[in-house]
N, C-alpha and C. Protein backbone atom coordinates (compact mmCIF):
# COMPACT_ATOMS: atom_id res chain seq x y z
N MET A 1 98.12 118.71 113.38
CA MET A 1 97.48 119.67 114.28
C MET A 1 95.97 119.60 114.08
N SER A 2 95.23 119.55 115.18
CA SER A 2 93.77 119.48 115.10
C SER A 2 93.20 120.83 114.70
N ASP A 3 91.95 120.80 114.19
CA ASP A 3 91.30 122.05 113.79
C ASP A 3 91.18 123.02 114.96
N ALA A 4 90.97 122.45 116.19
CA ALA A 4 90.81 123.30 117.36
C ALA A 4 92.08 124.06 117.68
N ALA A 5 93.25 123.48 117.31
CA ALA A 5 94.53 124.11 117.64
C ALA A 5 95.04 125.02 116.53
N LEU A 6 94.33 125.04 115.39
CA LEU A 6 94.77 125.88 114.28
C LEU A 6 94.72 127.36 114.66
N PRO A 7 95.70 128.14 114.22
CA PRO A 7 95.61 129.59 114.44
C PRO A 7 94.46 130.16 113.63
N THR A 8 93.87 131.21 114.11
CA THR A 8 92.75 131.82 113.40
C THR A 8 93.24 132.65 112.23
N VAL A 9 92.31 132.97 111.34
CA VAL A 9 92.64 133.84 110.20
C VAL A 9 93.13 135.19 110.72
N ALA A 10 92.49 135.67 111.77
CA ALA A 10 92.89 136.96 112.33
C ALA A 10 94.31 136.92 112.87
N GLU A 11 94.70 135.81 113.49
CA GLU A 11 96.06 135.69 114.02
C GLU A 11 97.10 135.69 112.90
N VAL A 12 96.77 135.00 111.80
CA VAL A 12 97.70 134.99 110.66
C VAL A 12 97.83 136.39 110.07
N ARG A 13 96.70 137.07 109.93
CA ARG A 13 96.73 138.44 109.37
C ARG A 13 97.51 139.39 110.30
N ALA A 14 97.32 139.22 111.59
CA ALA A 14 98.04 140.07 112.55
C ALA A 14 99.55 139.83 112.46
N ALA A 15 99.94 138.56 112.27
CA ALA A 15 101.36 138.24 112.11
C ALA A 15 101.92 138.85 110.84
N ALA A 16 101.10 138.86 109.76
CA ALA A 16 101.53 139.48 108.50
C ALA A 16 101.72 140.97 108.68
N GLU A 17 100.81 141.61 109.41
CA GLU A 17 100.94 143.04 109.67
C GLU A 17 102.18 143.34 110.50
N ALA A 18 102.50 142.41 111.42
CA ALA A 18 103.69 142.60 112.26
C ALA A 18 104.96 142.55 111.41
N VAL A 19 104.96 141.66 110.39
CA VAL A 19 106.10 141.59 109.49
C VAL A 19 106.25 142.90 108.71
N LYS A 20 105.13 143.42 108.22
CA LYS A 20 105.18 144.69 107.47
C LYS A 20 105.72 145.83 108.33
N ALA A 21 105.26 145.89 109.57
CA ALA A 21 105.73 146.94 110.47
C ALA A 21 107.21 146.76 110.78
N ALA A 22 107.64 145.50 110.97
CA ALA A 22 109.05 145.23 111.25
C ALA A 22 109.93 145.59 110.05
N LEU A 23 109.42 145.35 108.84
CA LEU A 23 110.15 145.74 107.62
C LEU A 23 110.35 147.25 107.57
N ASP A 24 109.30 148.00 107.91
CA ASP A 24 109.39 149.46 107.91
C ASP A 24 110.42 149.94 108.93
N ARG A 25 110.39 149.32 110.13
CA ARG A 25 111.34 149.73 111.17
C ARG A 25 112.77 149.38 110.77
N HIS A 26 112.95 148.23 110.14
CA HIS A 26 114.28 147.82 109.72
C HIS A 26 114.83 148.76 108.66
N LEU A 27 113.98 149.10 107.68
CA LEU A 27 114.42 150.02 106.62
C LEU A 27 114.76 151.38 107.22
N ALA A 28 113.94 151.87 108.14
CA ALA A 28 114.20 153.17 108.77
C ALA A 28 115.52 153.14 109.53
N ALA A 29 115.79 152.02 110.22
CA ALA A 29 117.05 151.91 110.96
C ALA A 29 118.25 151.88 110.04
N VAL A 30 118.12 151.17 108.91
CA VAL A 30 119.21 151.10 107.94
C VAL A 30 119.46 152.47 107.31
N GLU A 31 118.39 153.17 106.98
CA GLU A 31 118.53 154.49 106.34
C GLU A 31 119.18 155.52 107.26
N SER A 32 119.00 155.33 108.58
CA SER A 32 119.56 156.31 109.53
C SER A 32 120.70 155.71 110.34
N ARG A 33 121.30 154.64 109.84
CA ARG A 33 122.35 153.96 110.60
C ARG A 33 123.51 154.89 110.91
N ILE A 34 124.15 154.65 112.06
CA ILE A 34 125.33 155.39 112.48
C ILE A 34 126.48 154.40 112.60
N GLY A 35 127.33 154.33 111.61
CA GLY A 35 128.46 153.40 111.63
C GLY A 35 128.04 151.99 111.23
N GLU A 36 129.05 151.12 111.09
CA GLU A 36 128.80 149.76 110.63
C GLU A 36 128.18 148.88 111.71
N GLU A 37 128.36 149.23 112.98
CA GLU A 37 127.87 148.39 114.08
C GLU A 37 126.76 149.11 114.84
N ASP A 38 125.86 149.76 114.12
CA ASP A 38 124.77 150.50 114.77
C ASP A 38 123.84 149.52 115.49
N PRO A 39 123.72 149.63 116.82
CA PRO A 39 122.85 148.70 117.56
C PRO A 39 121.39 148.79 117.16
N ALA A 40 120.94 149.95 116.66
CA ALA A 40 119.54 150.09 116.24
C ALA A 40 119.25 149.19 115.05
N VAL A 41 120.21 149.06 114.13
CA VAL A 41 120.03 148.19 112.97
C VAL A 41 120.00 146.74 113.42
N TYR A 42 120.88 146.41 114.34
CA TYR A 42 120.94 145.04 114.85
C TYR A 42 119.62 144.66 115.53
N ALA A 43 119.09 145.57 116.34
CA ALA A 43 117.82 145.31 117.05
C ALA A 43 116.67 145.17 116.05
N ALA A 44 116.64 146.04 115.03
CA ALA A 44 115.58 145.97 114.02
C ALA A 44 115.67 144.68 113.21
N PHE A 45 116.88 144.24 112.97
CA PHE A 45 117.10 142.97 112.27
C PHE A 45 116.50 141.81 113.07
N ASN A 46 116.79 141.79 114.38
CA ASN A 46 116.27 140.71 115.22
C ASN A 46 114.74 140.75 115.29
N GLU A 47 114.17 141.94 115.36
CA GLU A 47 112.71 142.07 115.40
C GLU A 47 112.09 141.55 114.10
N LEU A 48 112.71 141.90 112.98
CA LEU A 48 112.21 141.44 111.69
C LEU A 48 112.31 139.92 111.57
N ALA A 49 113.43 139.35 112.02
CA ALA A 49 113.62 137.91 111.97
C ALA A 49 112.57 137.19 112.81
N ALA A 50 112.30 137.72 114.02
CA ALA A 50 111.31 137.10 114.90
C ALA A 50 109.91 137.19 114.32
N ALA A 51 109.58 138.37 113.76
CA ALA A 51 108.24 138.55 113.17
C ALA A 51 108.05 137.64 111.96
N ALA A 52 109.07 137.51 111.12
CA ALA A 52 108.98 136.67 109.95
C ALA A 52 108.84 135.20 110.33
N GLU A 53 109.58 134.79 111.35
CA GLU A 53 109.49 133.40 111.80
C GLU A 53 108.10 133.09 112.35
N GLU A 54 107.54 134.03 113.13
CA GLU A 54 106.21 133.84 113.69
C GLU A 54 105.17 133.74 112.57
N TYR A 55 105.26 134.61 111.58
CA TYR A 55 104.32 134.58 110.46
C TYR A 55 104.43 133.28 109.67
N ASP A 56 105.66 132.86 109.44
CA ASP A 56 105.89 131.63 108.68
C ASP A 56 105.26 130.44 109.39
N GLU A 57 105.41 130.37 110.70
CA GLU A 57 104.85 129.26 111.46
C GLU A 57 103.32 129.26 111.42
N LEU A 58 102.72 130.44 111.63
CA LEU A 58 101.26 130.53 111.62
C LEU A 58 100.69 130.25 110.23
N LEU A 59 101.37 130.75 109.21
CA LEU A 59 100.93 130.51 107.84
C LEU A 59 100.94 129.02 107.51
N TYR A 60 101.98 128.35 107.96
CA TYR A 60 102.10 126.91 107.69
C TYR A 60 101.03 126.13 108.47
N ASP A 61 100.85 126.50 109.74
CA ASP A 61 99.87 125.80 110.57
C ASP A 61 98.45 125.97 110.04
N ARG A 62 98.15 127.18 109.58
CA ARG A 62 96.78 127.47 109.13
C ARG A 62 96.53 126.99 107.70
N TYR A 63 97.49 127.26 106.80
CA TYR A 63 97.23 127.01 105.37
C TYR A 63 98.19 125.99 104.74
N ASP A 64 99.11 125.47 105.53
CA ASP A 64 100.09 124.52 105.01
C ASP A 64 100.93 125.15 103.89
N GLU A 65 101.24 126.44 104.07
CA GLU A 65 102.06 127.19 103.11
C GLU A 65 103.25 127.80 103.85
N VAL A 66 104.27 128.12 103.08
CA VAL A 66 105.47 128.75 103.66
C VAL A 66 105.77 130.03 102.91
N THR A 67 106.58 130.88 103.51
CA THR A 67 106.98 132.13 102.86
C THR A 67 108.12 131.86 101.89
N PRO A 68 108.27 132.68 100.86
CA PRO A 68 109.33 132.45 99.87
C PRO A 68 110.67 133.06 100.25
N PHE A 69 110.79 133.55 101.47
CA PHE A 69 112.06 134.16 101.87
C PHE A 69 112.46 133.63 103.23
N GLU A 70 113.74 133.77 103.51
CA GLU A 70 114.30 133.33 104.79
C GLU A 70 115.25 134.40 105.30
N ILE A 71 115.06 134.83 106.54
CA ILE A 71 115.96 135.81 107.16
C ILE A 71 116.96 135.04 107.99
N PRO A 72 118.26 135.18 107.71
CA PRO A 72 119.25 134.40 108.45
C PRO A 72 119.37 134.86 109.89
N THR A 73 119.89 133.98 110.72
CA THR A 73 120.16 134.34 112.11
C THR A 73 121.40 135.21 112.14
N PRO A 74 121.68 135.91 113.25
CA PRO A 74 122.88 136.73 113.34
C PRO A 74 124.14 135.91 113.10
N GLU A 75 125.27 136.59 112.89
CA GLU A 75 126.51 135.93 112.54
C GLU A 75 126.96 134.93 113.59
N ASP A 76 126.64 135.18 114.86
CA ASP A 76 127.06 134.25 115.90
C ASP A 76 126.14 133.04 115.96
N GLY A 77 125.06 133.02 115.16
CA GLY A 77 124.18 131.88 115.09
C GLY A 77 123.20 131.75 116.23
N VAL A 78 123.14 132.71 117.12
CA VAL A 78 122.25 132.63 118.29
C VAL A 78 121.23 133.76 118.21
N PRO A 79 119.98 133.47 117.85
CA PRO A 79 118.97 134.53 117.77
C PRO A 79 118.58 135.03 119.15
N TYR A 80 118.19 136.27 119.23
CA TYR A 80 117.77 136.86 120.51
C TYR A 80 116.36 136.43 120.83
N THR A 81 116.17 135.87 122.01
CA THR A 81 114.84 135.44 122.45
C THR A 81 114.49 136.02 123.81
N GLY A 82 115.24 137.03 124.26
CA GLY A 82 115.00 137.63 125.57
C GLY A 82 113.82 138.58 125.54
N PRO A 83 113.62 139.32 126.63
CA PRO A 83 112.47 140.23 126.71
C PRO A 83 112.52 141.34 125.68
N ALA A 84 111.35 141.66 125.12
CA ALA A 84 111.28 142.73 124.12
C ALA A 84 111.55 144.09 124.75
N GLU A 85 111.12 144.26 126.01
CA GLU A 85 111.34 145.50 126.74
C GLU A 85 112.08 145.18 128.05
N PRO A 86 113.40 145.01 127.98
CA PRO A 86 114.14 144.61 129.18
C PRO A 86 114.05 145.65 130.28
N ALA A 87 113.88 145.16 131.51
CA ALA A 87 113.84 146.05 132.67
C ALA A 87 115.23 146.33 133.21
N ALA A 88 116.19 145.50 132.82
CA ALA A 88 117.58 145.66 133.27
C ALA A 88 118.49 145.00 132.25
N PHE A 89 119.77 145.27 132.34
CA PHE A 89 120.71 144.62 131.44
C PHE A 89 122.08 144.55 132.10
N SER A 90 122.89 143.63 131.61
CA SER A 90 124.25 143.45 132.10
C SER A 90 125.23 143.70 130.97
N VAL A 91 126.36 144.31 131.27
CA VAL A 91 127.42 144.51 130.29
C VAL A 91 128.57 143.58 130.67
N LEU A 92 128.87 142.63 129.79
CA LEU A 92 129.94 141.67 130.04
C LEU A 92 131.06 141.92 129.05
N ILE A 93 132.26 142.07 129.56
CA ILE A 93 133.42 142.38 128.72
C ILE A 93 134.51 141.33 128.95
N ARG A 94 135.06 140.83 127.87
CA ARG A 94 136.24 139.98 127.94
C ARG A 94 137.30 140.54 127.01
N ARG A 95 138.52 140.71 127.56
CA ARG A 95 139.67 141.15 126.77
C ARG A 95 140.82 140.19 127.06
N ASP A 96 141.38 139.62 126.03
CA ASP A 96 142.50 138.70 126.20
C ASP A 96 143.82 139.41 125.92
N TYR A 97 144.83 139.07 126.73
CA TYR A 97 146.18 139.61 126.53
C TYR A 97 147.20 138.48 126.65
N ALA A 98 148.29 138.63 125.93
CA ALA A 98 149.44 137.75 126.09
C ALA A 98 150.53 138.54 126.82
N VAL A 99 151.17 137.92 127.80
CA VAL A 99 152.28 138.56 128.52
C VAL A 99 153.53 138.28 127.71
N VAL A 100 153.94 139.24 126.90
CA VAL A 100 155.10 139.04 126.00
C VAL A 100 156.39 139.57 126.60
N GLU A 101 156.29 140.50 127.57
CA GLU A 101 157.48 141.03 128.24
C GLU A 101 157.23 141.03 129.76
N PRO A 102 157.43 139.88 130.41
CA PRO A 102 157.14 139.78 131.84
C PRO A 102 157.92 140.79 132.68
N GLN A 103 159.16 141.03 132.33
CA GLN A 103 159.96 141.96 133.13
C GLN A 103 159.43 143.39 133.06
N ARG A 104 158.93 143.78 131.90
CA ARG A 104 158.32 145.11 131.78
C ARG A 104 157.06 145.18 132.65
N LEU A 105 156.27 144.12 132.64
CA LEU A 105 155.06 144.07 133.46
C LEU A 105 155.42 144.20 134.94
N ILE A 106 156.41 143.44 135.36
CA ILE A 106 156.81 143.46 136.77
C ILE A 106 157.39 144.83 137.15
N ALA A 107 158.17 145.42 136.24
CA ALA A 107 158.78 146.73 136.53
C ALA A 107 157.71 147.80 136.72
N GLN A 108 156.67 147.76 135.90
CA GLN A 108 155.58 148.73 136.04
C GLN A 108 154.87 148.54 137.39
N ALA A 109 154.68 147.28 137.79
CA ALA A 109 154.03 147.02 139.07
C ALA A 109 154.91 147.47 140.23
N GLU A 110 156.21 147.31 140.10
CA GLU A 110 157.13 147.74 141.16
C GLU A 110 157.09 149.25 141.34
N ARG A 111 156.92 149.98 140.24
CA ARG A 111 156.82 151.44 140.34
C ARG A 111 155.57 151.84 141.12
N VAL A 112 154.47 151.14 140.84
CA VAL A 112 153.23 151.43 141.56
C VAL A 112 153.40 151.09 143.04
N ALA A 113 153.98 149.92 143.33
CA ALA A 113 154.15 149.47 144.72
C ALA A 113 155.06 150.39 145.50
N ALA A 114 156.01 151.02 144.82
CA ALA A 114 156.95 151.91 145.51
C ALA A 114 156.25 153.15 146.06
N HIS A 115 155.11 153.51 145.50
CA HIS A 115 154.38 154.71 145.93
C HIS A 115 153.07 154.38 146.65
N ASP A 116 152.78 153.09 146.77
CA ASP A 116 151.51 152.69 147.39
C ASP A 116 151.78 151.52 148.34
N ARG A 117 151.67 151.77 149.63
CA ARG A 117 151.97 150.73 150.62
C ARG A 117 150.99 149.56 150.55
N ASP A 118 149.77 149.83 150.06
CA ASP A 118 148.76 148.78 149.99
C ASP A 118 148.98 147.84 148.80
N ALA A 119 149.80 148.27 147.85
CA ALA A 119 150.05 147.45 146.66
C ALA A 119 151.21 146.50 146.93
N GLU A 120 150.95 145.21 146.93
CA GLU A 120 151.97 144.21 147.21
C GLU A 120 152.12 143.27 146.02
N LEU A 121 153.39 143.03 145.64
CA LEU A 121 153.67 142.15 144.52
C LEU A 121 153.56 140.68 144.89
N GLY A 122 153.57 140.38 146.15
CA GLY A 122 153.56 138.98 146.58
C GLY A 122 154.97 138.50 146.84
N ASP A 123 155.06 137.31 147.43
CA ASP A 123 156.37 136.78 147.83
C ASP A 123 157.27 136.48 146.64
N ASP A 124 156.67 136.00 145.53
CA ASP A 124 157.51 135.61 144.40
C ASP A 124 157.88 136.80 143.52
N GLY A 125 157.15 137.92 143.64
CA GLY A 125 157.45 139.10 142.83
C GLY A 125 157.30 138.85 141.34
N GLY A 126 156.46 137.88 140.96
CA GLY A 126 156.31 137.52 139.57
C GLY A 126 155.17 138.22 138.87
N ALA A 127 154.84 137.73 137.66
CA ALA A 127 153.82 138.36 136.83
C ALA A 127 152.43 138.26 137.44
N ALA A 128 152.15 137.17 138.15
CA ALA A 128 150.82 137.01 138.74
C ALA A 128 150.54 138.11 139.76
N GLY A 129 151.51 138.39 140.63
CA GLY A 129 151.34 139.47 141.60
C GLY A 129 151.33 140.83 140.93
N ALA A 130 152.12 140.97 139.87
CA ALA A 130 152.17 142.24 139.14
C ALA A 130 150.82 142.60 138.54
N LEU A 131 150.13 141.60 138.02
CA LEU A 131 148.81 141.85 137.43
C LEU A 131 147.84 142.36 138.49
N GLY A 132 147.90 141.79 139.69
CA GLY A 132 147.02 142.25 140.76
C GLY A 132 147.29 143.69 141.13
N VAL A 133 148.56 144.07 141.16
CA VAL A 133 148.93 145.44 141.49
C VAL A 133 148.46 146.41 140.42
N LEU A 134 148.71 146.08 139.17
CA LEU A 134 148.37 147.00 138.07
C LEU A 134 146.87 147.17 137.90
N PHE A 135 146.11 146.08 138.01
CA PHE A 135 144.66 146.21 137.87
C PHE A 135 144.03 146.81 139.13
N GLY A 136 144.77 146.81 140.21
CA GLY A 136 144.30 147.52 141.40
C GLY A 136 144.54 149.01 141.31
N GLU A 137 145.50 149.39 140.49
CA GLU A 137 145.86 150.80 140.35
C GLU A 137 145.16 151.46 139.16
N TYR A 138 145.06 150.75 138.04
CA TYR A 138 144.54 151.33 136.81
C TYR A 138 143.18 150.72 136.44
N GLU A 139 142.36 151.54 135.80
CA GLU A 139 141.10 151.05 135.25
C GLU A 139 141.39 150.12 134.06
N PRO A 140 140.55 149.11 133.83
CA PRO A 140 140.78 148.21 132.68
C PRO A 140 140.86 148.94 131.34
N ASP A 141 140.08 150.02 131.19
CA ASP A 141 140.13 150.77 129.93
C ASP A 141 141.49 151.44 129.74
N GLU A 142 142.10 151.88 130.85
CA GLU A 142 143.42 152.52 130.73
C GLU A 142 144.48 151.49 130.37
N ILE A 143 144.39 150.31 130.96
CA ILE A 143 145.33 149.25 130.60
C ILE A 143 145.14 148.86 129.14
N ALA A 144 143.88 148.84 128.67
CA ALA A 144 143.61 148.50 127.28
C ALA A 144 144.25 149.50 126.32
N SER A 145 144.28 150.77 126.73
CA SER A 145 144.85 151.81 125.86
C SER A 145 146.37 151.91 125.98
N ARG A 146 146.94 151.31 127.05
CA ARG A 146 148.39 151.42 127.28
C ARG A 146 149.05 150.04 127.40
N TYR A 147 148.44 149.03 126.80
CA TYR A 147 148.88 147.66 127.03
C TYR A 147 150.35 147.43 126.68
N LYS A 148 150.86 148.12 125.67
CA LYS A 148 152.26 147.92 125.28
C LYS A 148 153.22 148.38 126.38
N GLU A 149 152.83 149.42 127.13
CA GLU A 149 153.66 149.91 128.22
C GLU A 149 153.83 148.85 129.31
N PHE A 150 152.85 147.94 129.40
CA PHE A 150 152.88 146.93 130.45
C PHE A 150 153.41 145.59 129.93
N GLY A 151 153.99 145.59 128.75
CA GLY A 151 154.56 144.36 128.21
C GLY A 151 153.52 143.36 127.76
N LEU A 152 152.36 143.84 127.33
CA LEU A 152 151.27 142.97 126.92
C LEU A 152 151.03 143.05 125.42
N GLU A 153 150.35 142.05 124.91
CA GLU A 153 149.93 142.03 123.51
C GLU A 153 148.44 141.72 123.46
N GLU A 154 147.69 142.51 122.70
CA GLU A 154 146.25 142.33 122.63
C GLU A 154 145.86 141.04 121.92
N GLY A 155 144.80 140.41 122.45
CA GLY A 155 144.19 139.29 121.78
C GLY A 155 142.76 139.64 121.39
N ASP A 156 141.89 138.67 121.33
CA ASP A 156 140.49 138.92 121.00
C ASP A 156 139.79 139.63 122.16
N SER A 157 138.72 140.35 121.83
CA SER A 157 137.90 140.97 122.87
C SER A 157 136.45 140.97 122.42
N THR A 158 135.55 141.00 123.39
CA THR A 158 134.12 141.05 123.07
C THR A 158 133.38 141.78 124.17
N LEU A 159 132.29 142.42 123.79
CA LEU A 159 131.42 143.09 124.74
C LEU A 159 129.99 142.63 124.47
N TRP A 160 129.33 142.12 125.50
CA TRP A 160 127.95 141.66 125.37
C TRP A 160 127.04 142.55 126.19
N ILE A 161 125.87 142.87 125.63
CA ILE A 161 124.81 143.55 126.37
C ILE A 161 123.67 142.54 126.50
N ALA A 162 123.51 142.01 127.72
CA ALA A 162 122.52 140.95 127.95
C ALA A 162 121.31 141.51 128.69
N ALA A 163 120.13 141.28 128.14
CA ALA A 163 118.90 141.80 128.73
C ALA A 163 118.38 140.86 129.81
N SER A 164 117.58 141.41 130.74
CA SER A 164 116.97 140.60 131.78
C SER A 164 115.62 141.21 132.17
N GLU A 165 114.78 140.37 132.75
CA GLU A 165 113.45 140.81 133.15
C GLU A 165 113.47 141.74 134.34
N GLU A 166 114.46 141.57 135.22
CA GLU A 166 114.56 142.40 136.42
C GLU A 166 116.02 142.48 136.86
N ALA A 167 116.32 143.53 137.60
CA ALA A 167 117.69 143.73 138.08
C ALA A 167 118.03 142.68 139.13
N ALA A 168 119.27 142.24 139.15
CA ALA A 168 119.72 141.25 140.13
C ALA A 168 119.79 141.87 141.52
N GLU A 169 119.58 141.04 142.52
CA GLU A 169 119.71 141.49 143.90
C GLU A 169 121.19 141.69 144.23
N PRO A 170 121.51 142.62 145.13
CA PRO A 170 122.92 142.83 145.51
C PRO A 170 123.57 141.53 145.98
N GLY A 171 124.71 141.22 145.39
CA GLY A 171 125.46 140.03 145.77
C GLY A 171 124.93 138.73 145.17
N GLU A 172 123.87 138.79 144.38
CA GLU A 172 123.22 137.57 143.89
C GLU A 172 124.13 136.73 143.01
N TRP A 173 124.91 137.38 142.13
CA TRP A 173 125.68 136.61 141.17
C TRP A 173 127.20 136.69 141.39
N LEU A 174 127.63 137.24 142.52
CA LEU A 174 129.06 137.46 142.72
C LEU A 174 129.88 136.18 142.72
N ASN A 175 129.31 135.07 143.17
CA ASN A 175 130.06 133.82 143.19
C ASN A 175 130.24 133.22 141.80
N SER A 176 129.38 133.61 140.87
CA SER A 176 129.48 133.11 139.50
C SER A 176 129.02 134.21 138.55
N PRO A 177 129.84 135.25 138.36
CA PRO A 177 129.40 136.42 137.62
C PRO A 177 129.15 136.20 136.14
N PHE A 178 129.81 135.21 135.54
CA PHE A 178 129.70 135.03 134.09
C PHE A 178 128.95 133.77 133.69
N GLY A 179 128.59 132.95 134.65
CA GLY A 179 127.97 131.68 134.31
C GLY A 179 126.48 131.74 134.10
N HIS A 180 125.85 132.87 134.46
CA HIS A 180 124.38 132.93 134.41
C HIS A 180 123.86 133.46 133.09
N THR A 181 124.71 133.94 132.22
CA THR A 181 124.25 134.62 131.00
C THR A 181 123.91 133.62 129.90
N ASP A 182 122.69 133.70 129.40
CA ASP A 182 122.24 132.88 128.28
C ASP A 182 122.53 133.65 126.99
N PRO A 183 123.27 133.07 126.04
CA PRO A 183 123.56 133.78 124.79
C PRO A 183 122.32 134.30 124.08
N GLN A 184 121.17 133.65 124.29
CA GLN A 184 119.94 134.10 123.63
C GLN A 184 119.38 135.36 124.29
N ASP A 185 119.94 135.77 125.44
CA ASP A 185 119.53 137.01 126.08
C ASP A 185 120.41 138.19 125.68
N VAL A 186 121.37 137.95 124.79
CA VAL A 186 122.31 138.99 124.38
C VAL A 186 121.67 139.87 123.30
N LEU A 187 121.39 141.12 123.69
CA LEU A 187 120.79 142.07 122.75
C LEU A 187 121.78 142.47 121.66
N HIS A 188 122.98 142.83 122.07
CA HIS A 188 124.01 143.30 121.14
C HIS A 188 125.36 142.76 121.58
N ARG A 189 126.21 142.53 120.62
CA ARG A 189 127.59 142.14 120.94
C ARG A 189 128.53 142.82 119.96
N PHE A 190 129.72 143.13 120.45
CA PHE A 190 130.71 143.83 119.65
C PHE A 190 132.03 143.08 119.80
N ASP A 191 132.47 142.42 118.73
CA ASP A 191 133.65 141.57 118.77
C ASP A 191 134.82 142.23 118.05
N VAL A 192 136.01 142.02 118.61
CA VAL A 192 137.25 142.49 117.98
C VAL A 192 138.20 141.31 117.92
N SER A 193 138.70 141.00 116.72
CA SER A 193 139.61 139.87 116.57
C SER A 193 140.45 140.07 115.32
N SER A 194 141.70 139.63 115.39
CA SER A 194 142.56 139.74 114.21
C SER A 194 142.06 138.84 113.08
N VAL A 195 141.25 137.84 113.43
CA VAL A 195 140.74 136.95 112.38
C VAL A 195 139.87 137.70 111.40
N PHE A 196 139.20 138.77 111.88
CA PHE A 196 138.38 139.57 110.98
C PHE A 196 139.26 140.32 109.98
N ASP A 197 140.42 140.80 110.45
CA ASP A 197 141.36 141.48 109.55
C ASP A 197 141.88 140.51 108.49
N GLU A 198 142.14 139.26 108.92
CA GLU A 198 142.64 138.25 107.98
C GLU A 198 141.59 137.94 106.92
N GLU A 199 140.33 137.85 107.37
CA GLU A 199 139.26 137.58 106.41
C GLU A 199 139.14 138.73 105.41
N LEU A 200 139.27 139.98 105.91
CA LEU A 200 139.20 141.13 105.02
C LEU A 200 140.36 141.13 104.04
N ASP A 201 141.57 140.78 104.53
CA ASP A 201 142.74 140.71 103.65
C ASP A 201 142.54 139.65 102.57
N ASP A 202 141.99 138.48 102.97
CA ASP A 202 141.75 137.42 101.99
C ASP A 202 140.76 137.88 100.93
N PHE A 203 139.71 138.59 101.38
CA PHE A 203 138.70 139.08 100.45
C PHE A 203 139.32 140.09 99.48
N GLU A 204 140.16 141.00 100.01
CA GLU A 204 140.79 142.00 99.15
C GLU A 204 141.75 141.34 98.17
N ASP A 205 142.47 140.29 98.63
CA ASP A 205 143.39 139.58 97.73
C ASP A 205 142.63 138.91 96.60
N GLU A 206 141.47 138.31 96.94
CA GLU A 206 140.65 137.67 95.92
C GLU A 206 140.14 138.69 94.90
N GLU A 207 139.73 139.86 95.41
CA GLU A 207 139.25 140.91 94.50
C GLU A 207 140.37 141.37 93.58
N ALA A 208 141.59 141.51 94.15
CA ALA A 208 142.72 141.96 93.35
C ALA A 208 143.07 140.94 92.26
N GLU A 209 143.02 139.65 92.62
CA GLU A 209 143.32 138.60 91.64
C GLU A 209 142.28 138.59 90.52
N GLU A 210 141.01 138.77 90.89
CA GLU A 210 139.96 138.80 89.88
C GLU A 210 140.14 140.00 88.95
N ALA A 211 140.53 141.15 89.54
CA ALA A 211 140.75 142.34 88.71
C ALA A 211 141.90 142.14 87.74
N GLU A 212 142.97 141.48 88.22
CA GLU A 212 144.11 141.22 87.34
C GLU A 212 143.73 140.27 86.20
N GLU A 213 142.91 139.26 86.55
CA GLU A 213 142.46 138.33 85.51
C GLU A 213 141.62 139.05 84.46
N ASP A 214 140.73 139.95 84.94
CA ASP A 214 139.89 140.70 84.00
C ASP A 214 140.74 141.59 83.10
N GLU A 215 141.79 142.22 83.67
CA GLU A 215 142.66 143.08 82.87
C GLU A 215 143.43 142.27 81.85
N GLY A 216 143.85 141.05 82.27
CA GLY A 216 144.59 140.20 81.34
C GLY A 216 143.73 139.77 80.17
N GLU A 217 142.48 139.44 80.46
CA GLU A 217 141.57 139.04 79.39
C GLU A 217 141.29 140.19 78.44
N ALA A 218 141.17 141.41 79.00
CA ALA A 218 140.89 142.56 78.16
C ALA A 218 142.09 142.92 77.29
N ALA A 219 143.30 142.57 77.75
CA ALA A 219 144.51 142.93 77.01
C ALA A 219 144.82 141.96 75.89
N GLU A 220 144.22 140.77 75.91
CA GLU A 220 144.49 139.80 74.85
C GLU A 220 143.99 140.32 73.50
N PRO A 221 144.84 140.28 72.49
CA PRO A 221 144.41 140.81 71.17
C PRO A 221 143.37 139.90 70.54
N GLY A 222 142.41 140.53 69.95
CA GLY A 222 141.37 139.76 69.25
C GLY A 222 141.81 139.44 67.82
N LEU A 223 141.08 138.57 67.17
CA LEU A 223 141.41 138.19 65.80
C LEU A 223 140.99 139.33 64.85
N ALA A 224 141.88 139.64 63.93
CA ALA A 224 141.56 140.69 62.95
C ALA A 224 140.48 140.19 62.00
N PRO A 225 139.55 141.04 61.64
CA PRO A 225 138.50 140.60 60.72
C PRO A 225 139.06 140.27 59.36
N ALA A 226 138.51 139.25 58.69
CA ALA A 226 138.99 138.84 57.37
C ALA A 226 138.64 139.88 56.35
């Protein structure tokens, strides 16, 4: 880098001050967190990571030095690079289900169709038509809370809050509602998966094994003094 392109001393100092301010905000968010998935903590974490990265780059460019610490990226590995003050946002939800009892699903749809002339199961009367009837009658949240009644089994689910510079025009994304979202624009995400339960079980099993080993070592008799 040429001398003309070097960041100024003032720019490096300003970046250092930004890190200090981000540290204070992160600590304040942690101290006042609400639950394990508090979005305020997540946002403060991303701000601190961005400020630290900016300072590290300027410090290296100006003085050929690096910071002695590293802030990891979020668990999904995709840092947030969207607008700091979003003017609009999108909520994207995916919930997976397995159809484990097709006849129960179809029976529920038939009950709805019997009382609603506009609800049609289709010519084959199968699960595909039943899904159209049920989601036309019930809100997705209600189906999520009553999935067993419909012969379904829950799979993974996720909710993304994606920031944007401006609100979309009416009808702008209807042909491709999910293809426009950049993971780096995701402010917050909330994932639910059985794999997390398995990881927790594995961790608890490891802790239990370590505790048993420690108890066994403590129970071994020592040598009597001569």
